[in-house]
Protein backbone atom coordinates (compact mmCIF):
# COMPACT_ATOMS: atom_id res chain seq x y z
CA MET A 1 71.06 45.34 -16.27
CA MET A 2 69.21 42.49 -17.94
CA ILE A 3 66.65 41.96 -15.15
CA SER A 4 64.36 44.47 -13.49
CA GLN A 5 65.35 46.32 -10.33
CA LYS A 6 62.45 44.63 -8.62
CA MET A 7 63.69 41.17 -9.64
CA ALA A 8 67.24 42.02 -8.58
CA ALA A 9 65.93 43.08 -5.16
CA ARG A 10 63.87 39.88 -4.86
CA LEU A 11 66.81 37.68 -5.81
CA ASN A 12 69.01 39.53 -3.31
CA LYS A 13 66.38 38.76 -0.67
CA GLN A 14 66.70 35.09 -1.62
CA VAL A 15 70.49 35.24 -1.31
CA ILE A 16 70.10 36.57 2.24
CA HIS A 17 67.54 33.87 3.03
CA GLU A 18 69.85 31.12 1.75
CA HIS A 19 72.67 32.48 3.92
CA HIS A 20 70.26 32.57 6.88
CA ASN A 21 69.38 28.93 6.25
CA ALA A 22 73.10 28.10 6.14
CA TRP A 23 73.58 29.83 9.47
CA SER A 24 70.50 28.10 10.89
CA TYR A 25 71.77 24.68 9.85
CA MET A 26 75.22 25.44 11.29
CA ALA A 27 73.52 26.36 14.58
CA THR A 28 71.47 23.16 14.44
CA GLY A 29 74.61 21.16 13.74
CA TYR A 30 76.36 22.75 16.71
CA TRP A 31 73.37 21.94 18.91
CA PHE A 32 73.44 18.29 17.81
CA GLU A 33 77.22 18.15 18.24
CA SER A 34 76.98 19.52 21.78
CA SER A 35 74.26 16.94 22.44
CA GLY A 36 76.63 14.13 21.48
CA LEU A 37 74.87 13.34 18.20
CA GLN A 38 77.77 13.63 15.78
CA VAL A 39 76.04 12.07 12.78
CA PHE A 40 73.08 14.44 13.03
CA ALA A 41 75.58 17.30 13.39
CA LYS A 42 77.46 16.21 10.26
CA PHE A 43 74.16 16.04 8.34
CA PHE A 44 73.29 19.63 9.29
CA PHE A 45 76.78 20.91 8.54
CA LYS A 46 76.43 19.38 5.06
CA GLN A 47 73.03 21.09 4.69
CA ALA A 48 74.63 24.40 5.67
CA ASN A 49 77.20 24.01 2.91
CA GLU A 50 74.45 23.31 0.38
CA GLU A 51 72.61 26.46 1.42
CA ARG A 52 75.77 28.54 0.95
CA GLU A 53 76.16 27.01 -2.51
CA HIS A 54 72.58 28.04 -3.31
CA ALA A 55 73.32 31.62 -2.21
CA GLU A 56 76.45 31.65 -4.34
CA LYS A 57 74.61 30.33 -7.39
CA ILE A 58 71.93 33.03 -7.13
CA SER A 59 74.62 35.67 -6.51
CA LYS A 60 76.50 34.58 -9.63
CA TYR A 61 73.27 34.85 -11.63
CA LEU A 62 72.70 38.38 -10.34
CA ILE A 63 76.21 39.37 -11.40
CA ASP A 64 75.78 37.70 -14.80
CA GLN A 65 72.62 39.76 -15.26
CA GLY A 66 74.46 42.98 -14.45
CA ALA A 67 72.92 43.41 -11.01
CA ALA A 68 74.71 44.01 -7.72
CA VAL A 69 74.76 41.45 -4.93
CA ILE A 70 73.70 43.29 -1.81
CA LEU A 71 74.46 41.53 1.45
CA THR A 72 72.69 42.73 4.56
CA GLU A 73 72.70 41.48 8.09
CA LEU A 74 71.14 38.12 8.82
CA ASP A 75 68.41 37.42 11.33
CA LYS A 76 69.68 35.47 14.30
CA PRO A 77 69.18 31.74 13.76
CA LYS A 78 67.55 29.53 16.33
CA THR A 79 70.41 28.12 18.41
CA SER A 80 68.65 26.10 21.08
CA PHE A 81 66.21 23.25 20.75
CA LYS A 82 64.15 21.27 23.25
CA ASN A 83 65.16 18.01 21.62
CA ALA A 84 65.94 16.37 18.27
CA LEU A 85 62.27 16.54 17.29
CA ASP A 86 62.20 20.31 17.80
CA ALA A 87 65.36 20.72 15.72
CA CYS A 88 63.97 18.62 12.88
CA GLU A 89 60.63 20.44 12.94
CA SER A 90 62.54 23.71 12.55
CA PHE A 91 64.37 22.18 9.57
CA VAL A 92 61.07 21.32 7.88
CA GLN A 93 59.64 24.79 8.52
CA LEU A 94 62.69 26.54 7.05
CA GLU A 95 62.52 24.40 3.92
CA ILE A 96 58.78 25.05 3.50
CA LYS A 97 59.42 28.79 3.86
CA THR A 98 62.20 28.56 1.26
CA THR A 99 59.88 26.74 -1.13
CA LYS A 100 57.24 29.47 -0.80
CA MET A 101 59.88 32.12 -1.43
CA VAL A 102 61.11 30.34 -4.56
CA ASP A 103 57.52 30.08 -5.77
CA GLU A 104 57.28 33.88 -5.41
CA ILE A 105 60.30 34.26 -7.69
CA VAL A 106 58.72 31.94 -10.26
CA ASP A 107 55.48 33.93 -10.15
CA MET A 108 57.33 37.23 -10.41
CA ALA A 109 59.47 36.04 -13.33
CA THR A 110 56.37 34.79 -15.13
CA LYS A 111 54.52 38.07 -14.53
CA GLU A 112 57.48 40.12 -15.76
CA ALA A 113 58.04 37.81 -18.76
CA ASP A 114 61.60 37.47 -17.44
CA HIS A 115 62.39 34.27 -19.29
CA ALA A 116 66.03 34.11 -18.19
CA THR A 117 65.15 34.21 -14.49
CA ARG A 118 62.22 31.87 -15.03
CA VAL A 119 64.51 29.27 -16.61
CA PHE A 120 67.32 29.91 -14.11
CA ILE A 121 65.15 29.40 -11.02
CA ASP A 122 63.87 25.99 -12.20
CA TRP A 123 66.91 24.31 -10.59
CA LYS A 124 65.81 25.74 -7.25
CA VAL A 125 62.21 24.59 -7.71
CA THR A 126 63.47 21.04 -8.26
CA GLU A 127 65.96 21.39 -5.40
CA GLN A 128 63.17 22.38 -3.01
CA VAL A 129 61.19 19.24 -3.76
CA GLU A 130 64.25 17.26 -2.65
CA GLU A 131 64.96 19.51 0.35
CA VAL A 132 61.43 19.32 1.75
CA ALA A 133 61.31 15.55 1.19
CA THR A 134 64.66 15.11 2.99
CA ALA A 135 63.54 17.30 5.89
CA ASN A 136 60.25 15.42 6.21
CA GLN A 137 62.00 12.03 6.04
CA LEU A 138 64.36 13.02 8.84
CA LEU A 139 61.48 14.38 10.88
CA GLY A 140 59.53 11.18 10.31
CA MET A 141 62.44 9.03 11.50
CA VAL A 142 62.91 11.17 14.61
CA LYS A 143 59.18 10.95 15.37
CA LEU A 144 59.27 7.17 15.00
CA ALA A 145 62.35 6.92 17.19
CA GLY A 146 60.62 8.73 20.02
CA SER A 147 62.91 8.13 22.98
CA PRO A 148 66.44 9.46 23.48
CA GLY A 149 67.78 5.89 23.33
CA GLN A 150 66.14 5.32 19.99
CA ILE A 151 67.49 8.66 18.75
CA LEU A 152 70.97 7.31 19.53
CA MET A 153 70.17 4.21 17.48
CA LEU A 154 68.98 6.47 14.65
CA GLU A 155 72.41 8.15 14.67
CA GLY A 156 73.70 5.23 12.61
CA ARG A 157 71.08 5.79 9.91
CA VAL A 158 71.12 9.54 9.27
């Protein structure tokens, strides 16, 4: 194996987290769909697909480095929200958590002088800047919309 056992375990943890995010965004999409907000639902379904792609990319890296991909059970995602604001706040919090987790990988790779992982994970660092910005933009629009009627108007913009 080209990476340490510790790094392989940490990357496997990230794979599980990315799958959890995918599941969380599917659940959010289903909630929006059942609330009659099809465009919001489509947005979250797209986010879920992106998260699965992230998990697959990290899994492929693990395999390329001679490490096993170890899938465990996922924590149950949040499936019910008070309103669109609550759903979007959850989106922001998940992306902030993901960013912190990616930063841990960067720090660990630097500490271990694991140059391959350090270079590999840069795509995810950049991706997280975009993900957090997107989540905050959506949250900001939902906050500005305020009322359910304005949320419906926002449907055309998401």
